[in-house]
């Protein structure tokens, strides 16, 4: 969970979005996922306040979808709704 928060805060986007970036690039996938503290699956979200990246929230211990849902609930409790991270598509 700590590394999910670290990854989301360090890169500024949800950890689940890494898989979209890896599409068709196995070398990138292997290289990034081998880096210490970098997590490339769901459960980590960046925290933004007034549009500024201030940290990350990470959840681990359940399925990826459950971790994502719990992270979203934590983010909703921490940050006003209008400041929530905009999902990349």
PDB file of N, CA and C in Angstrom:
ATOM      1  N   UNK A   1       0.824  -1.197   0.000  1.00  0.00           N
ATOM      2  CA  UNK A   1       0.000   0.000   0.000  1.00  0.00           C
ATOM      3  C   UNK A   1       0.868   1.261   0.000  1.00  0.00           C
ATOM      4  N   UNK A   2       1.935   1.228   0.776  1.00  0.00           N
ATOM      5  CA  UNK A   2       2.817   2.394   0.834  1.00  0.00           C
ATOM      6  C   UNK A   2       3.440   2.658  -0.536  1.00  0.00           C
ATOM      7  N   UNK A   3       3.853   1.599  -1.209  1.00  0.00           N
ATOM      8  CA  UNK A   3       4.463   1.781  -2.523  1.00  0.00           C
ATOM      9  C   UNK A   3       3.447   2.208  -3.581  1.00  0.00           C
ATOM     10  N   UNK A   4       2.194   1.827  -3.426  1.00  0.00           N
ATOM     11  CA  UNK A   4       1.154   2.325  -4.341  1.00  0.00           C
ATOM     12  C   UNK A   4       0.987   3.831  -4.160  1.00  0.00           C
ATOM     13  N   UNK A   5       0.951   4.284  -2.921  1.00  0.00           N
ATOM     14  CA  UNK A   5       0.852   5.725  -2.658  1.00  0.00           C
ATOM     15  C   UNK A   5       2.087   6.445  -3.193  1.00  0.00           C
ATOM     16  N   UNK A   6       3.261   5.870  -2.982  1.00  0.00           N
ATOM     17  CA  UNK A   6       4.519   6.439  -3.461  1.00  0.00           C
ATOM     18  C   UNK A   6       4.502   6.583  -4.985  1.00  0.00           C
ATOM     19  N   UNK A   7       4.058   5.541  -5.680  1.00  0.00           N
ATOM     20  CA  UNK A   7       4.017   5.557  -7.145  1.00  0.00           C
ATOM     21  C   UNK A   7       3.027   6.594  -7.651  1.00  0.00           C
ATOM     22  N   UNK A   8       1.833   6.622  -7.066  1.00  0.00           N
ATOM     23  CA  UNK A   8       0.812   7.590  -7.495  1.00  0.00           C
ATOM     24  C   UNK A   8       1.278   9.022  -7.255  1.00  0.00           C
ATOM     25  N   UNK A   9       1.905   9.259  -6.122  1.00  0.00           N
ATOM     26  CA  UNK A   9       2.396  10.605  -5.814  1.00  0.00           C
ATOM     27  C   UNK A   9       3.586  10.972  -6.693  1.00  0.00           C
ATOM     28  N   UNK A  10       4.454  10.030  -6.933  1.00  0.00           N
ATOM     29  CA  UNK A  10       5.659  10.297  -7.702  1.00  0.00           C
ATOM     30  C   UNK A  10       5.411  10.574  -9.174  1.00  0.00           C
ATOM     31  N   UNK A  11       4.400   9.908  -9.737  1.00  0.00           N
ATOM     32  CA  UNK A  11       4.128  10.064 -11.161  1.00  0.00           C
ATOM     33  C   UNK A  11       2.887  10.896 -11.444  1.00  0.00           C
ATOM     34  N   UNK A  12       2.051  11.109 -10.426  1.00  0.00           N
ATOM     35  CA  UNK A  12       0.902  11.995 -10.583  1.00  0.00           C
ATOM     36  C   UNK A  12      -0.300  11.410 -11.282  1.00  0.00           C
ATOM     37  N   UNK A  13      -0.360  10.092 -11.395  1.00  0.00           N
ATOM     38  CA  UNK A  13      -1.552   9.470 -11.973  1.00  0.00           C
ATOM     39  C   UNK A  13      -1.826   8.140 -11.272  1.00  0.00           C
ATOM     40  N   UNK A  14      -3.055   7.616 -11.407  1.00  0.00           N
ATOM     41  CA  UNK A  14      -3.412   6.372 -10.729  1.00  0.00           C
ATOM     42  C   UNK A  14      -2.510   5.211 -11.149  1.00  0.00           C
ATOM     43  N   UNK A  15      -2.171   4.353 -10.213  1.00  0.00           N
ATOM     44  CA  UNK A  15      -1.311   3.218 -10.529  1.00  0.00           C
ATOM     45  C   UNK A  15      -1.944   2.290 -11.555  1.00  0.00           C
ATOM     46  N   UNK A  16      -3.252   2.210 -11.600  1.00  0.00           N
ATOM     47  CA  UNK A  16      -3.929   1.352 -12.580  1.00  0.00           C
ATOM     48  C   UNK A  16      -3.669   1.809 -14.011  1.00  0.00           C
ATOM     49  N   UNK A  17      -3.317   3.068 -14.213  1.00  0.00           N
ATOM     50  CA  UNK A  17      -3.087   3.593 -15.563  1.00  0.00           C
ATOM     51  C   UNK A  17      -1.783   3.102 -16.184  1.00  0.00           C
ATOM     52  N   UNK A  18      -0.898   2.505 -15.388  1.00  0.00           N
ATOM     53  CA  UNK A  18       0.351   1.998 -15.952  1.00  0.00           C
ATOM     54  C   UNK A  18       0.105   0.975 -17.048  1.00  0.00           C
ATOM     55  N   UNK A  19      -0.885   0.099 -16.879  1.00  0.00           N
ATOM     56  CA  UNK A  19      -1.122  -0.949 -17.878  1.00  0.00           C
ATOM     57  C   UNK A  19      -1.462  -0.353 -19.240  1.00  0.00           C
ATOM     58  N   UNK A  20      -2.154   0.772 -19.259  1.00  0.00           N
ATOM     59  CA  UNK A  20      -2.451   1.441 -20.531  1.00  0.00           C
ATOM     60  C   UNK A  20      -1.163   1.917 -21.193  1.00  0.00           C
ATOM     61  N   UNK A  21      -0.231   2.397 -20.405  1.00  0.00           N
ATOM     62  CA  UNK A  21       1.042   2.878 -20.940  1.00  0.00           C
ATOM     63  C   UNK A  21       1.908   1.743 -21.477  1.00  0.00           C
ATOM     64  N   UNK A  22       1.752   0.556 -20.920  1.00  0.00           N
ATOM     65  CA  UNK A  22       2.554  -0.592 -21.332  1.00  0.00           C
ATOM     66  C   UNK A  22       2.040  -1.254 -22.599  1.00  0.00           C
ATOM     67  N   UNK A  23       0.848  -0.928 -23.025  1.00  0.00           N
ATOM     68  CA  UNK A  23       0.230  -1.592 -24.171  1.00  0.00           C
ATOM     69  C   UNK A  23       1.197  -1.641 -25.355  1.00  0.00           C
ATOM     70  N   UNK A  24       1.604  -2.840 -25.705  1.00  0.00           N
ATOM     71  CA  UNK A  24       2.484  -3.031 -26.849  1.00  0.00           C
ATOM     72  C   UNK A  24       3.954  -2.776 -26.576  1.00  0.00           C
ATOM     73  N   UNK A  25       4.335  -2.506 -25.338  1.00  0.00           N
ATOM     74  CA  UNK A  25       5.737  -2.223 -25.034  1.00  0.00           C
ATOM     75  C   UNK A  25       6.192  -3.084 -23.856  1.00  0.00           C
ATOM     76  N   UNK A  26       6.503  -4.330 -24.152  1.00  0.00           N
ATOM     77  CA  UNK A  26       6.889  -5.282 -23.112  1.00  0.00           C
ATOM     78  C   UNK A  26       8.177  -4.855 -22.400  1.00  0.00           C
ATOM     79  N   UNK A  27       9.103  -4.241 -23.133  1.00  0.00           N
ATOM     80  CA  UNK A  27      10.352  -3.784 -22.521  1.00  0.00           C
ATOM     81  C   UNK A  27      10.116  -2.743 -21.445  1.00  0.00           C
ATOM     82  N   UNK A  28       9.229  -1.796 -21.727  1.00  0.00           N
ATOM     83  CA  UNK A  28       8.888  -0.773 -20.740  1.00  0.00           C
ATOM     84  C   UNK A  28       8.228  -1.412 -19.526  1.00  0.00           C
ATOM     85  N   UNK A  29       7.313  -2.331 -19.779  1.00  0.00           N
ATOM     86  CA  UNK A  29       6.614  -3.013 -18.683  1.00  0.00           C
ATOM     87  C   UNK A  29       7.612  -3.731 -17.769  1.00  0.00           C
ATOM     88  N   UNK A  30       8.530  -4.472 -18.352  1.00  0.00           N
ATOM     89  CA  UNK A  30       9.507  -5.206 -17.546  1.00  0.00           C
ATOM     90  C   UNK A  30      10.457  -4.262 -16.820  1.00  0.00           C
ATOM     91  N   UNK A  31      10.876  -3.209 -17.486  1.00  0.00           N
ATOM     92  CA  UNK A  31      11.806  -2.263 -16.878  1.00  0.00           C
ATOM     93  C   UNK A  31      11.210  -1.503 -15.711  1.00  0.00           C
ATOM     94  N   UNK A  32      10.024  -0.953 -15.906  1.00  0.00           N
ATOM     95  CA  UNK A  32       9.385  -0.166 -14.838  1.00  0.00           C
ATOM     96  C   UNK A  32       8.991  -1.049 -13.669  1.00  0.00           C
ATOM     97  N   UNK A  33       8.409  -2.211 -13.965  1.00  0.00           N
ATOM     98  CA  UNK A  33       7.932  -3.061 -12.873  1.00  0.00           C
ATOM     99  C   UNK A  33       9.082  -3.651 -12.061  1.00  0.00           C
ATOM    100  N   UNK A  34      10.297  -3.634 -12.591  1.00  0.00           N
ATOM    101  CA  UNK A  34      11.457  -4.129 -11.848  1.00  0.00           C
ATOM    102  C   UNK A  34      12.063  -3.060 -10.938  1.00  0.00           C
ATOM    103  N   UNK A  35      11.614  -1.827 -11.052  1.00  0.00           N
ATOM    104  CA  UNK A  35      12.138  -0.735 -10.229  1.00  0.00           C
ATOM    105  C   UNK A  35      11.619  -0.867  -8.798  1.00  0.00           C
ATOM    106  N   UNK A  36      12.470  -0.636  -7.817  1.00  0.00           N
ATOM    107  CA  UNK A  36      12.004  -0.681  -6.431  1.00  0.00           C
ATOM    108  C   UNK A  36      10.919   0.365  -6.173  1.00  0.00           C
ATOM    109  N   UNK A  37       9.930  -0.020  -5.402  1.00  0.00           N
ATOM    110  CA  UNK A  37       8.853   0.848  -4.921  1.00  0.00           C
ATOM    111  C   UNK A  37       7.832   1.234  -5.978  1.00  0.00           C
ATOM    112  N   UNK A  38       8.002   0.852  -7.232  1.00  0.00           N
ATOM    113  CA  UNK A  38       7.046   1.200  -8.276  1.00  0.00           C
ATOM    114  C   UNK A  38       6.017   0.082  -8.382  1.00  0.00           C
ATOM    115  N   UNK A  39       4.746   0.439  -8.268  1.00  0.00           N
ATOM    116  CA  UNK A  39       3.643  -0.519  -8.362  1.00  0.00           C
ATOM    117  C   UNK A  39       2.825  -0.174  -9.594  1.00  0.00           C
ATOM    118  N   UNK A  40       2.554  -1.188 -10.421  1.00  0.00           N
ATOM    119  CA  UNK A  40       1.925  -0.931 -11.721  1.00  0.00           C
ATOM    120  C   UNK A  40       0.529  -1.546 -11.844  1.00  0.00           C
ATOM    121  N   UNK A  41      -0.167  -1.700 -10.734  1.00  0.00           N
ATOM    122  CA  UNK A  41      -1.553  -2.172 -10.766  1.00  0.00           C
ATOM    123  C   UNK A  41      -2.374  -1.349  -9.786  1.00  0.00           C
ATOM    124  N   UNK A  42      -3.679  -1.458  -9.890  1.00  0.00           N
ATOM    125  CA  UNK A  42      -4.595  -0.568  -9.189  1.00  0.00           C
ATOM    126  C   UNK A  42      -4.510  -0.573  -7.677  1.00  0.00           C
ATOM    127  N   UNK A  43      -4.915   0.562  -7.111  1.00  0.00           N
ATOM    128  CA  UNK A  43      -4.964   0.734  -5.669  1.00  0.00           C
ATOM    129  C   UNK A  43      -4.233   1.969  -5.185  1.00  0.00           C
ATOM    130  N   UNK A  44      -3.570   2.678  -6.104  1.00  0.00           N
ATOM    131  CA  UNK A  44      -2.877   3.907  -5.739  1.00  0.00           C
ATOM    132  C   UNK A  44      -3.435   5.092  -6.503  1.00  0.00           C
ATOM    133  N   UNK A  45      -3.733   6.173  -5.799  1.00  0.00           N
ATOM    134  CA  UNK A  45      -4.266   7.388  -6.424  1.00  0.00           C
ATOM    135  C   UNK A  45      -3.487   8.603  -5.938  1.00  0.00           C
ATOM    136  N   UNK A  46      -3.230   9.549  -6.838  1.00  0.00           N
ATOM    137  CA  UNK A  46      -2.589  10.787  -6.402  1.00  0.00           C
ATOM    138  C   UNK A  46      -3.581  11.658  -5.636  1.00  0.00           C
ATOM    139  N   UNK A  47      -3.086  12.448  -4.724  1.00  0.00           N
ATOM    140  CA  UNK A  47      -3.910  13.408  -3.988  1.00  0.00           C
ATOM    141  C   UNK A  47      -3.566  14.798  -4.507  1.00  0.00           C
ATOM    142  N   UNK A  48      -4.581  15.506  -4.969  1.00  0.00           N
ATOM    143  CA  UNK A  48      -4.404  16.878  -5.447  1.00  0.00           C
ATOM    144  C   UNK A  48      -5.312  17.797  -4.637  1.00  0.00           C
ATOM    145  N   UNK A  49      -4.762  18.914  -4.226  1.00  0.00           N
ATOM    146  CA  UNK A  49      -5.535  19.952  -3.547  1.00  0.00           C
ATOM    147  C   UNK A  49      -5.300  21.246  -4.303  1.00  0.00           C
ATOM    148  N   UNK A  50      -6.390  21.895  -4.674  1.00  0.00           N
ATOM    149  CA  UNK A  50      -6.313  23.111  -5.489  1.00  0.00           C
ATOM    150  C   UNK A  50      -5.457  22.895  -6.731  1.00  0.00           C
ATOM    151  N   UNK A  51      -5.580  21.700  -7.316  1.00  0.00           N
ATOM    152  CA  UNK A  51      -4.861  21.383  -8.540  1.00  0.00           C
ATOM    153  C   UNK A  51      -3.402  21.008  -8.358  1.00  0.00           C
ATOM    154  N   UNK A  52      -2.913  21.053  -7.132  1.00  0.00           N
ATOM    155  CA  UNK A  52      -1.505  20.747  -6.857  1.00  0.00           C
ATOM    156  C   UNK A  52      -1.361  19.330  -6.309  1.00  0.00           C
ATOM    157  N   UNK A  53      -0.424  18.597  -6.844  1.00  0.00           N
ATOM    158  CA  UNK A  53      -0.131  17.256  -6.357  1.00  0.00           C
ATOM    159  C   UNK A  53       0.519  17.369  -4.980  1.00  0.00           C
ATOM    160  N   UNK A  54      -0.120  16.762  -3.966  1.00  0.00           N
ATOM    161  CA  UNK A  54       0.391  16.869  -2.596  1.00  0.00           C
ATOM    162  C   UNK A  54       0.733  15.522  -1.968  1.00  0.00           C
ATOM    163  N   UNK A  55       0.414  14.427  -2.640  1.00  0.00           N
ATOM    164  CA  UNK A  55       0.707  13.121  -2.068  1.00  0.00           C
ATOM    165  C   UNK A  55      -0.026  12.031  -2.799  1.00  0.00           C
ATOM    166  N   UNK A  56      -0.112  10.885  -2.146  1.00  0.00           N
ATOM    167  CA  UNK A  56      -0.807   9.752  -2.732  1.00  0.00           C
ATOM    168  C   UNK A  56      -1.460   8.919  -1.657  1.00  0.00           C
ATOM    169  N   UNK A  57      -2.463   8.177  -2.056  1.00  0.00           N
ATOM    170  CA  UNK A  57      -3.118   7.223  -1.167  1.00  0.00           C
ATOM    171  C   UNK A  57      -2.969   5.847  -1.812  1.00  0.00           C
ATOM    172  N   UNK A  58      -2.657   4.851  -0.999  1.00  0.00           N
ATOM    173  CA  UNK A  58      -2.497   3.500  -1.509  1.00  0.00           C
ATOM    174  C   UNK A  58      -3.225   2.502  -0.637  1.00  0.00           C
ATOM    175  N   UNK A  59      -3.841   1.522  -1.279  1.00  0.00           N
ATOM    176  CA  UNK A  59      -4.584   0.483  -0.571  1.00  0.00           C
ATOM    177  C   UNK A  59      -4.160  -0.864  -1.135  1.00  0.00           C
ATOM    178  N   UNK A  60      -3.962  -1.832  -0.254  1.00  0.00           N
ATOM    179  CA  UNK A  60      -3.560  -3.164  -0.671  1.00  0.00           C
ATOM    180  C   UNK A  60      -4.142  -4.186   0.294  1.00  0.00           C
ATOM    181  N   UNK A  61      -4.266  -5.412  -0.180  1.00  0.00           N
ATOM    182  CA  UNK A  61      -4.726  -6.484   0.693  1.00  0.00           C
ATOM    183  C   UNK A  61      -5.955  -7.205   0.206  1.00  0.00           C
ATOM    184  N   UNK A  62      -6.613  -6.662  -0.793  1.00  0.00           N
ATOM    185  CA  UNK A  62      -7.804  -7.304  -1.357  1.00  0.00           C
ATOM    186  C   UNK A  62      -7.576  -7.458  -2.863  1.00  0.00           C
ATOM    187  N   UNK A  63      -8.639  -7.677  -3.604  1.00  0.00           N
ATOM    188  CA  UNK A  63      -8.501  -7.735  -5.059  1.00  0.00           C
ATOM    189  C   UNK A  63      -8.167  -6.342  -5.582  1.00  0.00           C
ATOM    190  N   UNK A  64      -7.662  -6.274  -6.795  1.00  0.00           N
ATOM    191  CA  UNK A  64      -7.319  -4.974  -7.369  1.00  0.00           C
ATOM    192  C   UNK A  64      -8.535  -4.056  -7.413  1.00  0.00           C
ATOM    193  N   UNK A  65      -9.688  -4.579  -7.808  1.00  0.00           N
ATOM    194  CA  UNK A  65     -10.883  -3.729  -7.881  1.00  0.00           C
ATOM    195  C   UNK A  65     -11.322  -3.263  -6.495  1.00  0.00           C
ATOM    196  N   UNK A  66     -11.183  -4.113  -5.494  1.00  0.00           N
ATOM    197  CA  UNK A  66     -11.525  -3.707  -4.128  1.00  0.00           C
ATOM    198  C   UNK A  66     -10.530  -2.676  -3.594  1.00  0.00           C
ATOM    199  N   UNK A  67      -9.252  -2.864  -3.902  1.00  0.00           N
ATOM    200  CA  UNK A  67      -8.246  -1.873  -3.504  1.00  0.00           C
ATOM    201  C   UNK A  67      -8.558  -0.523  -4.137  1.00  0.00           C
ATOM    202  N   UNK A  68      -8.932  -0.534  -5.429  1.00  0.00           N
ATOM    203  CA  UNK A  68      -9.280   0.708  -6.134  1.00  0.00           C
ATOM    204  C   UNK A  68     -10.469   1.398  -5.462  1.00  0.00           C
ATOM    205  N   UNK A  69     -11.504   0.626  -5.162  1.00  0.00           N
ATOM    206  CA  UNK A  69     -12.699   1.200  -4.538  1.00  0.00           C
ATOM    207  C   UNK A  69     -12.368   1.800  -3.172  1.00  0.00           C
ATOM    208  N   UNK A  70     -11.554   1.118  -2.413  1.00  0.00           N
ATOM    209  CA  UNK A  70     -11.176   1.613  -1.086  1.00  0.00           C
ATOM    210  C   UNK A  70     -10.316   2.875  -1.207  1.00  0.00           C
ATOM    211  N   UNK A  71      -9.412   2.901  -2.180  1.00  0.00           N
ATOM    212  CA  UNK A  71      -8.581   4.091  -2.392  1.00  0.00           C
ATOM    213  C   UNK A  71      -9.445   5.280  -2.794  1.00  0.00           C
ATOM    214  N   UNK A  72     -10.443   5.046  -3.634  1.00  0.00           N
ATOM    215  CA  UNK A  72     -11.351   6.131  -4.041  1.00  0.00           C
ATOM    216  C   UNK A  72     -12.133   6.656  -2.836  1.00  0.00           C
ATOM    217  N   UNK A  73     -12.564   5.755  -1.960  1.00  0.00           N
ATOM    218  CA  UNK A  73     -13.282   6.179  -0.754  1.00  0.00           C
ATOM    219  C   UNK A  73     -12.363   6.998   0.155  1.00  0.00           C
ATOM    220  N   UNK A  74     -11.120   6.575   0.285  1.00  0.00           N
ATOM    221  CA  UNK A  74     -10.165   7.331   1.102  1.00  0.00           C
ATOM    222  C   UNK A  74      -9.920   8.710   0.506  1.00  0.00           C
ATOM    223  N   UNK A  75      -9.762   8.768  -0.812  1.00  0.00           N
ATOM    224  CA  UNK A  75      -9.545  10.053  -1.473  1.00  0.00           C
ATOM    225  C   UNK A  75     -10.749  10.969  -1.276  1.00  0.00           C
ATOM    226  N   UNK A  76     -11.945  10.410  -1.386  1.00  0.00           N
ATOM    227  CA  UNK A  76     -13.163  11.207  -1.199  1.00  0.00           C
ATOM    228  C   UNK A  76     -13.240  11.772   0.220  1.00  0.00           C
ATOM    229  N   UNK A  77     -12.746  11.018   1.195  1.00  0.00           N
ATOM    230  CA  UNK A  77     -12.768  11.493   2.581  1.00  0.00           C
ATOM    231  C   UNK A  77     -11.701  12.562   2.838  1.00  0.00           C
ATOM    232  N   UNK A  78     -10.635  12.542   2.056  1.00  0.00           N
ATOM    233  CA  UNK A  78      -9.514  13.463   2.266  1.00  0.00           C
ATOM    234  C   UNK A  78      -9.625  14.783   1.525  1.00  0.00           C
ATOM    235  N   UNK A  79     -10.207  14.742   0.338  1.00  0.00           N
ATOM    236  CA  UNK A  79     -10.133  15.873  -0.585  1.00  0.00           C
ATOM    237  C   UNK A  79     -11.532  16.252  -1.056  1.00  0.00           C
ATOM    238  N   UNK A  80     -11.855  17.535  -1.132  1.00  0.00           N
ATOM    239  CA  UNK A  80     -13.156  17.953  -1.671  1.00  0.00           C
ATOM    240  C   UNK A  80     -13.385  17.378  -3.068  1.00  0.00           C
ATOM    241  N   UNK A  81     -14.623  17.076  -3.388  1.00  0.00           N
ATOM    242  CA  UNK A  81     -14.971  16.404  -4.644  1.00  0.00           C
ATOM    243  C   UNK A  81     -14.451  17.127  -5.872  1.00  0.00           C
ATOM    244  N   UNK A  82     -14.436  18.442  -5.875  1.00  0.00           N
ATOM    245  CA  UNK A  82     -13.993  19.164  -7.067  1.00  0.00           C
ATOM    246  C   UNK A  82     -12.483  19.093  -7.272  1.00  0.00           C
ATOM    247  N   UNK A  83     -11.743  18.573  -6.303  1.00  0.00           N
ATOM    248  CA  UNK A  83     -10.297  18.425  -6.441  1.00  0.00           C
ATOM    249  C   UNK A  83      -9.858  16.998  -6.759  1.00  0.00           C
ATOM    250  N   UNK A  84     -10.795  16.051  -6.847  1.00  0.00           N
ATOM    251  CA  UNK A  84     -10.412  14.664  -7.101  1.00  0.00           C
ATOM    252  C   UNK A  84      -9.660  14.552  -8.410  1.00  0.00           C
ATOM    253  N   UNK A  85      -8.787  13.560  -8.455  1.00  0.00           N
ATOM    254  CA  UNK A  85      -7.988  13.316  -9.657  1.00  0.00           C
ATOM    255  C   UNK A  85      -8.904  13.054 -10.850  1.00  0.00           C
ATOM    256  N   UNK A  86      -8.545  13.614 -11.972  1.00  0.00           N
ATOM    257  CA  UNK A  86      -9.274  13.345 -13.205  1.00  0.00           C
ATOM    258  C   UNK A  86      -8.697  12.080 -13.811  1.00  0.00           C
ATOM    259  N   UNK A  87      -9.547  11.125 -14.087  1.00  0.00           N
ATOM    260  CA  UNK A  87      -9.089   9.871 -14.664  1.00  0.00           C
ATOM    261  C   UNK A  87      -8.601  10.094 -16.077  1.00  0.00           C
ATOM    262  N   UNK A  88      -7.509   9.441 -16.412  1.00  0.00           N
ATOM    263  CA  UNK A  88      -7.021   9.468 -17.782  1.00  0.00           C
ATOM    264  C   UNK A  88      -7.729   8.372 -18.546  1.00  0.00           C
ATOM    265  N   UNK A  89      -8.023   8.625 -19.824  1.00  0.00           N
ATOM    266  CA  UNK A  89      -8.686   7.581 -20.601  1.00  0.00           C
ATOM    267  C   UNK A  89      -7.821   7.117 -21.722  1.00  0.00           C
TER     268      UNK A  89
END
